Amino acid sequence: MDLKKLYRGAGIFLMLLLSLASCKKAEEETFTPETMSGTVEFDIPFYVQMGETVTLSASGIIDPKNANYKWYVSGVYVDTLTSNVVSVRFPDSIGVFIVSANCYADGYYINSTSQQVTTIDTSWNASITGLKASPQFIVDKRDGRAYRYITAGELDWFCQNLAWGGVPFKASPVTAAYFGHFYTWEEAMDGDVCPEGWSVPTNEDWESLAEVLSGGIAVPFVDNWFGLGEKASAAVCLNDERMWPYSPDNSHTNDIGWNAMPLGYTFAGSKKFEGINEYGCWWSATEKNDTQAYYRYIWYDLGDFPMAYTGKSDMRANVRCVRMHPQSL
């Protein structure tokens, strides 16, 4: 046998093997995962009660079909929940938590979405502090909810927002006891939204409130109500964080316990709330014209209580209910 030919053949074979191995390694090194089609989505209230259990369902990924899910809740769960539908129990304490849903599959980049959740204590003077507690209250026969009210002149006024119908603050039903619900003007005026014997205040009812706040001075509805927003708003805190930002022009003295809070507003068909910690807005039952209605608002950086108007089916604001005080009848 010719040893030179044998060595030459072995060398060629070895080079071929090395070349094939090199190509395979190059292929492995240049592999790029694919991007999933769609985006992970899940709904969760922004606020939940301490110790509350919430069921979460992840969706939104179109491809791959065989994707898996892992959930992460800061300080509570770390990749221990591995289904697209899970139950999460929040701690029995006040805090802020990040909830993340992570979708993964072989050969794909991870797709994830995170949302913030705050736990609150809904008992009186716990998470919400700085409100004045009126000893007067009524119970709504429709759902058993209690509403505190004050007597201002000849009228009784809710000193908290109505929470029947409408939509809750930031999709968080647990906040209804303090924050109430939000309504378009049409929703507020559609049927008996206030409890029996109560109604949405008219412009004349608002003028009556202004006269009490101003110390007996008559004030027309179409006016900025100079200094009256300061007297109607409360220096309220949520989980020890002040809700109204500091302003030298509004110290929120809450003279008669009307307890105005800066919950902002939202719009019909939208999940987004705007003006939170800046504005509080409340409807009047009085129409401006066929398409618009009046409301009053308080802005954190001004002590006034101005009026405005907007479309009847557009903005969602809070509602305070009123009635003639029984002794004034």
Protein backbone atom coordinates (compact mmCIF):
# COMPACT_ATOMS: atom_id res chain seq x y z
CA MET A 1 0.00 0.00 0.00
CA ASP A 2 1.23 3.49 -0.88
CA LEU A 3 1.54 5.22 2.54
CA LYS A 4 1.68 8.66 0.93
CA LYS A 5 -1.69 8.13 -0.76
CA LEU A 6 -3.12 6.75 2.48
CA TYR A 7 -2.01 9.77 4.55
CA ARG A 8 -3.16 12.11 1.80
CA GLY A 9 -6.64 10.50 1.80
CA ALA A 10 -6.86 10.54 5.59
CA GLY A 11 -5.89 14.20 5.61
CA ILE A 12 -8.56 15.09 3.07
CA PHE A 13 -11.17 13.16 5.10
CA LEU A 14 -10.11 14.90 8.30
CA MET A 15 -10.33 18.31 6.66
CA LEU A 16 -13.81 17.46 5.41
CA LEU A 17 -14.94 16.49 8.91
CA LEU A 18 -13.48 19.67 10.37
CA SER A 19 -15.20 21.71 7.69
CA LEU A 20 -18.57 20.09 8.40
CA ALA A 21 -18.13 20.60 12.15
CA SER A 22 -17.21 24.22 11.60
CA CYS A 23 -20.30 24.83 9.47
CA LYS A 24 -22.55 23.22 12.10
CA LYS A 25 -20.98 25.32 14.84
CA ALA A 26 -21.45 28.47 12.77
CA GLU A 27 -25.10 27.59 12.24
CA GLU A 28 -25.60 27.12 15.98
CA GLU A 29 -23.84 30.40 16.78
CA THR A 30 -25.96 32.41 14.32
CA PHE A 31 -29.40 31.00 15.37
CA THR A 32 -31.84 33.80 16.20
CA PRO A 33 -35.06 33.19 18.17
CA GLU A 34 -38.33 34.24 16.56
CA THR A 35 -40.60 36.99 17.86
CA MET A 36 -44.02 35.91 19.11
CA SER A 37 -47.08 37.19 17.31
CA GLY A 38 -49.20 39.31 19.66
CA THR A 39 -48.61 40.80 23.10
CA VAL A 40 -49.36 39.36 26.52
CA GLU A 41 -52.43 40.99 28.06
CA PHE A 42 -54.24 40.64 31.38
CA ASP A 43 -56.69 42.73 33.39
CA ILE A 44 -56.21 43.47 37.07
CA PRO A 45 -57.59 46.23 39.31
CA PHE A 46 -55.14 49.00 40.15
CA TYR A 47 -56.27 48.75 43.81
CA VAL A 48 -57.19 45.58 45.72
CA GLN A 49 -58.15 44.90 49.33
CA MET A 50 -55.43 43.58 51.63
CA GLY A 51 -55.53 39.77 51.56
CA GLU A 52 -57.77 39.72 48.48
CA THR A 53 -57.49 36.84 46.00
CA VAL A 54 -57.65 37.87 42.34
CA THR A 55 -58.04 35.52 39.36
CA LEU A 56 -55.85 36.52 36.41
CA SER A 57 -56.11 35.33 32.81
CA ALA A 58 -53.34 35.95 30.28
CA SER A 59 -54.13 36.21 26.57
CA GLY A 60 -53.02 38.05 23.47
CA ILE A 61 -50.39 35.66 22.04
CA ILE A 62 -51.46 34.41 18.60
CA ASP A 63 -48.41 32.37 17.68
CA PRO A 64 -46.94 29.98 18.83
CA LYS A 65 -50.00 28.02 19.88
CA ASN A 66 -48.08 25.92 22.43
CA ALA A 67 -46.76 28.83 24.49
CA ASN A 68 -46.45 28.55 28.27
CA TYR A 69 -46.83 31.17 31.00
CA LYS A 70 -45.07 32.08 34.21
CA TRP A 71 -46.25 34.73 36.65
CA TYR A 72 -44.21 36.94 38.93
CA VAL A 73 -45.61 39.03 41.79
CA SER A 74 -42.94 41.07 43.56
CA GLY A 75 -42.38 39.81 47.07
CA VAL A 76 -45.11 37.17 46.76
CA TYR A 77 -44.65 34.74 43.83
CA VAL A 78 -41.53 34.09 41.75
CA ASP A 79 -42.21 31.81 38.74
CA THR A 80 -44.32 29.45 40.86
CA LEU A 81 -47.55 30.08 38.94
CA THR A 82 -47.33 28.40 35.54
CA SER A 83 -50.67 28.62 33.77
CA ASN A 84 -52.40 31.24 31.68
CA VAL A 85 -55.17 31.39 34.33
CA VAL A 86 -54.03 31.72 37.95
CA SER A 87 -55.27 32.90 41.35
CA VAL A 88 -53.10 35.40 43.19
CA ARG A 89 -53.57 36.16 46.88
CA PHE A 90 -52.12 39.49 47.96
CA PRO A 91 -50.56 39.98 51.41
CA ASP A 92 -52.53 41.12 54.46
CA SER A 93 -50.67 44.41 54.46
CA ILE A 94 -50.59 47.72 52.61
CA GLY A 95 -48.07 47.83 49.78
CA VAL A 96 -47.29 48.26 46.10
CA PHE A 97 -46.69 45.18 43.96
CA ILE A 98 -45.60 44.51 40.38
CA VAL A 99 -47.49 41.71 38.64
CA SER A 100 -45.82 40.27 35.51
CA ALA A 101 -47.03 37.64 33.05
CA ASN A 102 -44.24 36.04 31.00
CA CYS A 103 -44.99 33.94 27.91
CA TYR A 104 -42.26 31.59 26.66
CA ALA A 105 -41.76 28.83 24.08
CA ASP A 106 -38.73 27.05 22.57
CA GLY A 107 -37.27 29.02 19.72
CA TYR A 108 -38.99 32.31 20.67
CA TYR A 109 -38.11 35.43 22.56
CA ILE A 110 -40.01 35.82 25.86
CA ASN A 111 -43.04 38.11 25.67
CA SER A 112 -44.09 39.81 28.93
CA THR A 113 -46.36 42.48 30.40
CA SER A 114 -46.31 44.05 33.89
CA GLN A 115 -48.84 46.08 35.88
CA GLN A 116 -48.73 47.80 39.26
CA VAL A 117 -51.18 46.89 42.01
CA THR A 118 -51.66 48.68 45.35
CA THR A 119 -53.25 47.00 48.35
CA ILE A 120 -55.46 49.14 50.58
CA ASP A 121 -57.39 48.85 53.83
CA THR A 122 -60.98 49.99 53.30
CA SER A 123 -61.84 50.35 56.99
CA TRP A 124 -62.43 53.91 58.19
CA ASN A 125 -59.36 56.13 58.63
CA ALA A 126 -56.96 53.37 57.52
CA SER A 127 -55.65 53.72 53.94
CA ILE A 128 -57.69 56.91 53.46
CA THR A 129 -57.03 59.59 56.07
CA GLY A 130 -57.90 63.28 56.33
CA LEU A 131 -61.65 63.06 55.75
CA LYS A 132 -64.20 64.46 58.17
CA ALA A 133 -66.65 61.83 59.43
CA SER A 134 -70.17 63.17 59.56
CA PRO A 135 -72.35 61.41 62.16
CA GLN A 136 -75.29 61.56 59.73
CA PHE A 137 -75.73 58.74 57.22
CA ILE A 138 -78.32 56.91 55.14
CA VAL A 139 -78.34 53.33 53.84
CA ASP A 140 -79.13 52.78 50.18
CA LYS A 141 -81.82 50.07 50.09
CA ARG A 142 -80.66 48.94 46.65
CA ASP A 143 -77.31 47.54 47.76
CA GLY A 144 -77.00 48.26 51.49
CA ARG A 145 -74.22 50.80 50.99
CA ALA A 146 -74.04 53.55 53.63
CA TYR A 147 -73.49 57.19 52.64
CA ARG A 148 -72.48 59.92 55.05
CA TYR A 149 -74.04 63.33 54.51
CA ILE A 150 -73.87 66.86 55.89
CA THR A 151 -76.55 69.51 56.27
CA ALA A 152 -75.66 72.76 54.50
CA GLY A 153 -78.38 75.37 54.78
CA GLU A 154 -81.70 73.81 53.78
CA LEU A 155 -80.09 70.92 51.88
CA ASP A 156 -78.53 67.62 52.87
CA TRP A 157 -75.46 66.81 50.76
CA PHE A 158 -73.58 63.54 50.38
CA CYS A 159 -70.08 64.13 51.71
CA GLN A 160 -68.81 61.23 49.61
CA ASN A 161 -69.30 60.27 45.98
CA LEU A 162 -72.17 58.13 44.76
CA ALA A 163 -71.29 54.49 43.91
CA TRP A 164 -74.41 53.10 42.24
CA GLY A 165 -74.02 52.24 38.54
CA GLY A 166 -71.33 54.06 36.57
CA VAL A 167 -67.74 52.77 36.55
CA PRO A 168 -65.33 52.39 39.49
CA PHE A 169 -62.08 54.32 39.87
CA LYS A 170 -59.32 52.71 37.75
CA ALA A 171 -61.33 49.47 37.38
CA SER A 172 -61.02 48.93 41.14
CA PRO A 173 -64.38 48.15 42.80
CA VAL A 174 -62.71 48.07 46.23
CA THR A 175 -62.35 51.87 46.10
CA ALA A 176 -66.10 52.54 45.80
CA ALA A 177 -66.62 53.18 49.52
CA TYR A 178 -64.34 56.23 49.42
CA PHE A 179 -64.00 57.25 45.76
CA GLY A 180 -67.45 56.40 44.44
CA HIS A 181 -68.08 55.78 40.76
CA PHE A 182 -67.83 57.87 37.59
CA TYR A 183 -70.68 58.78 35.23
CA THR A 184 -71.35 60.60 32.01
CA TRP A 185 -74.08 63.21 32.47
CA GLU A 186 -76.50 60.96 30.60
CA GLU A 187 -75.70 58.05 32.91
CA ALA A 188 -76.15 60.26 35.96
CA MET A 189 -79.55 61.45 34.73
CA ASP A 190 -80.81 58.10 33.43
CA GLY A 191 -83.41 56.96 35.94
CA ASP A 192 -82.95 56.97 39.69
CA VAL A 193 -79.17 56.92 40.06
CA CYS A 194 -79.35 58.51 43.53
CA PRO A 195 -81.07 56.68 46.43
CA GLU A 196 -84.79 57.20 46.94
CA GLY A 197 -85.52 60.76 48.05
CA TRP A 198 -82.20 62.09 46.74
CA SER A 199 -81.22 63.62 43.39
CA VAL A 200 -78.30 64.98 41.36
CA PRO A 201 -77.88 68.66 42.37
CA THR A 202 -79.16 71.37 40.02
CA ASN A 203 -77.40 74.71 39.46
CA GLU A 204 -79.70 76.17 42.13
CA ASP A 205 -78.65 73.47 44.60
CA TRP A 206 -75.01 74.27 43.91
CA GLU A 207 -75.69 77.96 44.52
CA SER A 208 -77.14 77.03 47.92
CA LEU A 209 -73.92 75.17 48.78
CA ALA A 210 -71.83 78.16 47.68
CA GLU A 211 -73.80 80.45 49.98
CA VAL A 212 -73.00 78.21 52.96
CA LEU A 213 -69.31 77.91 52.01
CA SER A 214 -69.04 81.70 51.58
CA GLY A 215 -70.55 82.46 54.98
CA GLY A 216 -73.98 83.56 53.81
CA ILE A 217 -73.00 85.51 50.71
CA ALA A 218 -75.08 84.63 47.64
CA VAL A 219 -72.93 83.42 44.71
CA PRO A 220 -74.27 82.72 41.21
CA PHE A 221 -73.60 79.33 39.61
CA VAL A 222 -71.83 80.84 36.60
CA ASP A 223 -68.92 82.12 38.63
CA ASN A 224 -65.44 80.92 39.64
CA TRP A 225 -66.43 80.72 43.31
CA PHE A 226 -63.24 82.39 44.53
CA GLY A 227 -61.70 80.56 47.52
CA LEU A 228 -64.54 78.05 47.86
CA GLY A 229 -62.61 75.08 46.45
CA GLU A 230 -60.18 75.40 49.34
CA LYS A 231 -63.10 75.30 51.78
CA ALA A 232 -64.71 72.25 50.11
CA SER A 233 -61.63 70.04 49.63
CA ALA A 234 -59.98 67.76 52.20
CA ALA A 235 -56.24 67.37 52.85
CA VAL A 236 -56.61 63.65 52.24
CA CYS A 237 -53.90 60.97 52.09
CA LEU A 238 -53.89 57.52 50.50
CA ASN A 239 -51.53 55.04 52.17
CA ASP A 240 -49.75 58.00 53.81
CA GLU A 241 -49.20 59.78 50.46
CA ARG A 242 -50.96 63.12 50.06
CA MET A 243 -53.46 63.08 47.20
CA TRP A 244 -53.63 66.83 46.51
CA PRO A 245 -50.10 68.07 45.66
CA TYR A 246 -48.87 70.96 47.79
CA SER A 247 -49.93 74.42 46.63
CA PRO A 248 -49.66 77.68 48.57
CA ASP A 249 -52.96 78.70 46.97
CA ASN A 250 -55.04 75.78 48.26
CA SER A 251 -54.64 74.45 51.80
CA HIS A 252 -57.80 72.26 51.68
CA THR A 253 -59.43 73.41 54.90
CA ASN A 254 -62.60 71.34 54.28
CA ASP A 255 -64.63 73.77 56.40
CA ILE A 256 -67.99 71.98 56.35
CA GLY A 257 -66.76 68.42 55.74
CA TRP A 258 -67.69 68.21 52.02
CA ASN A 259 -64.57 66.01 51.61
CA ALA A 260 -63.60 66.78 47.98
CA MET A 261 -60.81 64.54 46.64
CA PRO A 262 -58.70 64.79 43.43
CA LEU A 263 -59.85 61.67 41.57
CA GLY A 264 -59.70 63.17 38.09
CA TYR A 265 -62.06 62.10 35.34
CA THR A 266 -62.36 59.61 32.50
CA PHE A 267 -64.21 59.34 29.21
CA ALA A 268 -66.86 56.99 27.89
CA GLY A 269 -65.21 54.02 26.17
CA SER A 270 -61.83 54.64 27.81
CA LYS A 271 -60.09 52.78 30.65
CA LYS A 272 -57.66 55.65 31.21
CA PHE A 273 -58.19 58.18 34.01
CA GLU A 274 -56.83 61.69 33.64
CA GLY A 275 -56.21 64.52 36.08
CA ILE A 276 -55.71 62.18 39.06
CA ASN A 277 -54.30 64.09 42.08
CA GLU A 278 -55.00 67.34 40.21
CA TYR A 279 -58.75 67.66 39.67
CA GLY A 280 -62.02 66.71 41.30
CA CYS A 281 -65.16 67.00 39.12
CA TRP A 282 -68.89 66.78 39.98
CA TRP A 283 -71.97 67.00 37.78
CA SER A 284 -74.86 69.44 37.90
CA ALA A 285 -78.24 68.14 36.77
CA THR A 286 -78.75 71.35 34.80
CA GLU A 287 -78.25 71.32 31.03
CA LYS A 288 -76.47 74.09 29.17
CA ASN A 289 -78.10 73.07 25.89
CA ASP A 290 -79.26 69.97 24.03
CA THR A 291 -75.78 68.42 23.88
CA GLN A 292 -73.90 69.86 26.88
CA ALA A 293 -74.28 70.00 30.66
CA TYR A 294 -72.61 71.81 33.56
CA TYR A 295 -70.18 70.51 36.16
CA ARG A 296 -67.99 72.04 38.85
CA TYR A 297 -64.34 71.22 39.52
CA ILE A 298 -61.49 71.91 41.91
CA TRP A 299 -57.89 72.17 40.73
CA TYR A 300 -55.07 71.48 43.20
CA ASP A 301 -53.19 74.72 42.43
CA LEU A 302 -56.13 77.09 42.87
CA GLY A 303 -58.43 77.74 45.79
CA ASP A 304 -61.49 78.37 43.62
CA PHE A 305 -64.38 76.06 42.68
CA PRO A 306 -65.11 76.96 39.02
CA MET A 307 -67.85 75.72 36.70
CA ALA A 308 -67.50 74.34 33.20
CA TYR A 309 -69.54 72.37 30.71
CA THR A 310 -68.95 69.45 28.36
CA GLY A 311 -70.75 66.90 26.21
CA LYS A 312 -73.45 64.91 27.96
CA SER A 313 -72.10 61.57 26.76
CA ASP A 314 -68.35 62.29 26.80
CA MET A 315 -66.67 62.89 30.14
CA ARG A 316 -67.26 60.76 33.24
CA ALA A 317 -67.22 62.63 36.56
CA ASN A 318 -68.37 62.01 40.13
CA VAL A 319 -71.87 62.61 41.51
CA ARG A 320 -72.96 64.04 44.88
CA CYS A 321 -76.61 63.51 45.79
CA VAL A 322 -78.79 66.09 47.58
CA ARG A 323 -82.20 66.34 49.20
CA MET A 324 -84.19 68.99 51.02
CA HIS A 325 -83.38 68.69 54.71
CA PRO A 326 -86.44 67.13 56.41
CA GLN A 327 -86.82 70.01 58.89
CA SER A 328 -86.85 72.46 55.97
CA LEU A 329 -89.85 70.85 54.32
